[in-house]
Amino acid sequence: MDIPAALDTFPITRRWSPRDPHAVQLYSFPTPNGVKVSILLEELGLPYDAHRVDILQGDQTTAEFLSLNPNNKIPAIIDPDGPGGGPLALWESGAILVYLAEKTGRFLPADPAGRYHVLQWLMFQMGGVGPLFGQLGFFYALGGKDIEDPRPRQRYIDEAARLLKVLEGRLDGRDWVAGAYSIADIALAPWVRSLRDFYKAGAVTGYDELRHVPEWLERFLARPAVQRGLVQPAAD
């Protein structure tokens, strides 16, 4: 397929060729950060090409991917129909969520007070839940689990437990984190799911004793768009 001029200037399209050049081009892998964007795209019903950047094989360090995201992290997107009608390349999952929500007018309130409440919980994920749960996973379930010094592991167990308690308190009397279902839920829930299901850290962090967080997570996972987004980009 000939790549249209709007995308032809992006070297990444030489390696991951667009299937639908008019769709949002998503470069990702099904990690908690990666599925945030595919879930939102599914919720919005926006057409998108999901290109699998296999981080286990080092695809994120290739010259083509680095030409789009010099920080070599997934996800990243190119929207051929960006602001002003031209293409927009964007990386950092939180920024992508805000952009897509604002582009469509969904899952981020228009009124300033509601907007900032959603954004504060999005930042809670970006600055707290994501990094700390990720470190917990490393020291509890992955490469760092055999380190003899118990202090790093315990630090991240304790901090993950604290963050879960913050979320538990917030969800007392609420179905969703910021009122209506929003990009805050889409950002947070995949990380909580990973802590429970991938890191198997529910017992040590107190997740198993919580009430509101597990109920919220199940509401989230029951959404058809979430179920579709969780498996994107699909394996070849």
Protein backbone atom coordinates (compact mmCIF):
# COMPACT_ATOMS: atom_id res chain seq x y z
CA MET A 1 0.00 0.00 0.00
CA ASP A 2 1.22 3.48 -0.83
CA ILE A 3 1.60 5.54 2.32
CA PRO A 4 -0.24 8.89 2.02
CA ALA A 5 1.70 12.10 2.30
CA ALA A 6 0.30 12.77 5.77
CA LEU A 7 2.12 9.70 7.09
CA ASP A 8 4.98 9.34 4.64
CA THR A 9 7.17 11.79 6.58
CA PHE A 10 7.23 9.46 9.59
CA PRO A 11 10.01 6.83 9.33
CA ILE A 12 8.13 4.49 11.65
CA THR A 13 5.63 3.80 8.86
CA ARG A 14 8.38 2.09 6.86
CA ARG A 15 8.62 -0.65 9.49
CA TRP A 16 4.97 -0.75 10.58
CA SER A 17 2.99 0.04 7.45
CA PRO A 18 -0.51 1.49 7.89
CA ARG A 19 -3.35 -0.84 7.03
CA ASP A 20 -5.84 2.02 7.09
CA PRO A 21 -3.97 5.28 6.45
CA HIS A 22 -6.95 7.32 7.65
CA ALA A 23 -7.05 5.61 11.05
CA VAL A 24 -5.12 6.46 14.20
CA GLN A 25 -1.83 4.56 14.07
CA LEU A 26 -1.17 2.94 17.45
CA TYR A 27 2.28 1.55 18.24
CA SER A 28 1.98 -0.47 21.42
CA PHE A 29 2.20 -3.71 23.36
CA PRO A 30 -0.40 -5.10 25.81
CA THR A 31 1.15 -3.84 29.04
CA PRO A 32 -0.81 -1.74 31.56
CA ASN A 33 0.41 1.46 29.90
CA GLY A 34 -0.15 0.12 26.41
CA VAL A 35 -3.73 -1.05 26.87
CA LYS A 36 -4.82 2.30 28.27
CA VAL A 37 -4.81 3.70 24.76
CA SER A 38 -6.32 0.69 22.97
CA ILE A 39 -9.12 0.59 25.55
CA LEU A 40 -9.88 4.26 25.06
CA LEU A 41 -9.84 3.89 21.29
CA GLU A 42 -12.28 1.00 21.61
CA GLU A 43 -14.50 2.99 23.97
CA LEU A 44 -14.52 5.91 21.53
CA GLY A 45 -15.16 3.74 18.49
CA LEU A 46 -12.35 5.47 16.62
CA PRO A 47 -10.79 3.46 13.79
CA TYR A 48 -7.20 2.56 14.59
CA ASP A 49 -4.36 0.40 13.33
CA ALA A 50 -2.78 -1.46 16.23
CA HIS A 51 0.88 -2.15 15.43
CA ARG A 52 2.58 -4.56 17.83
CA VAL A 53 5.88 -3.17 19.10
CA ASP A 54 7.33 -6.24 20.76
CA ILE A 55 9.18 -4.86 23.76
CA LEU A 56 10.38 -8.36 24.64
CA GLN A 57 12.28 -8.45 21.33
CA GLY A 58 13.60 -4.89 21.58
CA ASP A 59 11.38 -3.31 18.90
CA GLN A 60 11.18 -0.15 21.02
CA THR A 61 14.91 0.47 20.54
CA THR A 62 14.86 0.34 16.74
CA ALA A 63 15.63 3.47 14.78
CA GLU A 64 12.13 3.53 13.35
CA PHE A 65 10.43 3.53 16.75
CA LEU A 66 12.91 5.99 18.22
CA SER A 67 12.10 8.37 15.37
CA LEU A 68 8.62 8.63 16.88
CA ASN A 69 9.43 8.33 20.58
CA PRO A 70 13.01 9.12 21.58
CA ASN A 71 12.20 7.82 25.07
CA ASN A 72 11.79 4.28 23.61
CA LYS A 73 8.59 3.53 25.52
CA ILE A 74 5.21 2.32 24.31
CA PRO A 75 2.57 3.46 23.54
CA ALA A 76 2.81 6.11 20.83
CA ILE A 77 0.37 7.24 18.18
CA ILE A 78 0.13 9.13 14.93
CA ASP A 79 -3.26 10.69 14.26
CA PRO A 80 -3.46 11.53 10.53
CA ASP A 81 -6.31 13.93 11.34
CA GLY A 82 -4.72 15.93 14.11
CA PRO A 83 -5.31 19.55 15.13
CA GLY A 84 -5.72 21.74 12.08
CA GLY A 85 -6.19 18.71 9.86
CA GLY A 86 -2.52 17.69 9.79
CA PRO A 87 -0.93 14.61 11.37
CA LEU A 88 -0.04 14.61 15.05
CA ALA A 89 2.55 12.28 16.58
CA LEU A 90 2.27 11.80 20.31
CA TRP A 91 3.81 9.66 23.04
CA GLU A 92 3.31 9.26 26.81
CA SER A 93 0.10 7.40 27.56
CA GLY A 94 -1.39 10.10 29.78
CA ALA A 95 -0.93 12.76 27.11
CA ILE A 96 -2.48 10.44 24.53
CA LEU A 97 -5.52 9.80 26.75
CA VAL A 98 -6.08 13.52 27.24
CA TYR A 99 -5.67 14.22 23.54
CA LEU A 100 -8.11 11.55 22.39
CA ALA A 101 -10.65 12.51 25.06
CA GLU A 102 -10.47 16.17 24.05
CA LYS A 103 -10.58 15.32 20.34
CA THR A 104 -13.86 13.47 20.77
CA GLY A 105 -15.36 15.32 23.73
CA ARG A 106 -15.76 12.13 25.75
CA PHE A 107 -14.48 10.69 29.05
CA LEU A 108 -13.07 14.06 30.16
CA PRO A 109 -15.56 16.66 31.40
CA ALA A 110 -15.79 19.98 29.60
CA ASP A 111 -16.47 21.97 32.77
CA PRO A 112 -13.22 23.09 34.40
CA ALA A 113 -13.87 21.65 37.87
CA GLY A 114 -14.81 18.21 36.54
CA ARG A 115 -11.91 18.27 34.11
CA TYR A 116 -9.34 18.96 36.80
CA HIS A 117 -10.75 16.30 39.11
CA VAL A 118 -10.28 13.73 36.36
CA LEU A 119 -6.81 15.04 35.60
CA GLN A 120 -5.71 14.84 39.23
CA TRP A 121 -6.60 11.14 39.33
CA LEU A 122 -4.90 10.62 35.99
CA MET A 123 -1.76 12.19 37.48
CA PHE A 124 -2.18 9.97 40.55
CA GLN A 125 -1.77 7.04 38.20
CA MET A 126 1.04 8.55 36.14
CA GLY A 127 3.11 9.72 39.09
CA GLY A 128 2.22 7.12 41.71
CA VAL A 129 0.36 3.95 40.82
CA GLY A 130 2.19 3.20 37.57
CA PRO A 131 5.78 3.72 38.70
CA LEU A 132 5.30 2.22 42.16
CA PHE A 133 3.31 -0.81 41.02
CA GLY A 134 5.92 -1.36 38.33
CA GLN A 135 8.70 -1.38 40.90
CA LEU A 136 6.66 -3.69 43.11
CA GLY A 137 6.33 -6.07 40.18
CA PHE A 138 10.07 -6.06 39.58
CA PHE A 139 11.09 -6.69 43.19
CA TYR A 140 8.24 -9.03 44.11
CA ALA A 141 7.53 -11.08 40.98
CA LEU A 142 10.17 -10.46 38.31
CA GLY A 143 13.92 -9.97 38.04
CA GLY A 144 14.46 -8.43 41.46
CA LYS A 145 12.59 -11.03 43.52
CA ASP A 146 15.80 -12.93 44.33
CA ILE A 147 17.69 -9.92 45.69
CA GLU A 148 18.62 -10.79 49.26
CA ASP A 149 18.18 -7.31 50.68
CA PRO A 150 14.45 -7.19 51.64
CA ARG A 151 14.26 -3.42 51.87
CA PRO A 152 13.50 -2.55 48.22
CA ARG A 153 10.78 -5.18 48.00
CA GLN A 154 9.18 -4.13 51.27
CA ARG A 155 9.32 -0.46 50.34
CA TYR A 156 7.28 -1.05 47.19
CA ILE A 157 4.89 -3.48 48.87
CA ASP A 158 4.17 -0.86 51.53
CA GLU A 159 3.75 1.95 49.02
CA ALA A 160 1.49 -0.12 46.76
CA ALA A 161 -0.65 -0.96 49.80
CA ARG A 162 -0.88 2.73 50.69
CA LEU A 163 -1.91 3.70 47.16
CA LEU A 164 -4.56 0.97 47.11
CA LYS A 165 -5.98 2.37 50.35
CA VAL A 166 -6.18 5.82 48.78
CA LEU A 167 -8.11 4.35 45.87
CA GLU A 168 -10.31 2.31 48.22
CA GLY A 169 -11.31 5.44 50.10
CA ARG A 170 -12.02 7.32 46.91
CA LEU A 171 -14.31 4.58 45.62
CA ASP A 172 -16.39 4.41 48.79
CA GLY A 173 -19.85 5.40 47.53
CA ARG A 174 -18.70 5.83 43.92
CA ASP A 175 -18.86 3.54 40.91
CA TRP A 176 -16.01 5.38 39.17
CA VAL A 177 -12.99 7.28 40.41
CA ALA A 178 -13.94 10.80 39.32
CA GLY A 179 -17.73 10.54 39.18
CA ALA A 180 -18.63 9.41 35.68
CA TYR A 181 -16.51 6.82 33.89
CA SER A 182 -13.45 8.63 32.56
CA ILE A 183 -9.87 8.41 31.40
CA ALA A 184 -8.91 8.26 35.10
CA ASP A 185 -10.49 4.80 35.36
CA ILE A 186 -8.96 3.75 32.03
CA ALA A 187 -5.52 4.76 33.31
CA LEU A 188 -5.76 3.21 36.76
CA ALA A 189 -7.59 -0.08 36.29
CA PRO A 190 -5.05 -1.85 34.03
CA TRP A 191 -2.37 -1.30 36.68
CA VAL A 192 -4.55 -2.66 39.47
CA ARG A 193 -5.40 -5.66 37.28
CA SER A 194 -1.67 -6.24 36.70
CA LEU A 195 -0.92 -6.10 40.42
CA ARG A 196 -3.62 -8.67 41.09
CA ASP A 197 -3.27 -11.01 38.12
CA PHE A 198 0.27 -10.67 36.73
CA TYR A 199 2.33 -9.83 39.81
CA LYS A 200 0.09 -11.99 42.05
CA ALA A 201 0.57 -9.41 44.79
CA GLY A 202 -2.99 -9.18 46.09
CA ALA A 203 -2.24 -10.82 49.44
CA VAL A 204 0.93 -8.90 50.33
CA THR A 205 -0.52 -5.48 49.44
CA GLY A 206 -3.85 -5.90 51.18
CA TYR A 207 -5.80 -5.94 47.93
CA ASP A 208 -7.56 -9.15 48.97
CA GLU A 209 -9.01 -7.39 52.02
CA LEU A 210 -10.41 -4.44 50.07
CA ARG A 211 -14.02 -4.13 48.97
CA HIS A 212 -14.50 -1.13 46.72
CA VAL A 213 -11.39 -1.51 44.55
CA PRO A 214 -12.13 -5.12 43.53
CA GLU A 215 -15.77 -4.25 42.76
CA TRP A 216 -14.64 -1.28 40.65
CA LEU A 217 -12.10 -3.42 38.81
CA GLU A 218 -14.74 -6.00 37.95
CA ARG A 219 -17.08 -3.28 36.66
CA PHE A 220 -14.26 -2.05 34.47
CA LEU A 221 -13.30 -5.48 33.15
CA ALA A 222 -16.94 -6.26 32.31
CA ARG A 223 -17.10 -3.48 29.72
CA PRO A 224 -17.01 -4.90 26.17
CA ALA A 225 -14.68 -2.15 24.92
CA VAL A 226 -12.26 -2.92 27.75
CA GLN A 227 -12.26 -6.60 26.86
CA ARG A 228 -11.44 -5.76 23.25
CA GLY A 229 -8.76 -3.24 24.14
CA LEU A 230 -6.95 -5.51 26.57
CA VAL A 231 -5.80 -7.82 23.75
CA GLN A 232 -4.50 -5.10 21.42
CA PRO A 233 -2.21 -5.08 19.59
CA ALA A 234 -2.89 -8.74 18.90
CA ALA A 235 -0.05 -11.18 18.38
CA ASP A 236 0.81 -11.83 14.74
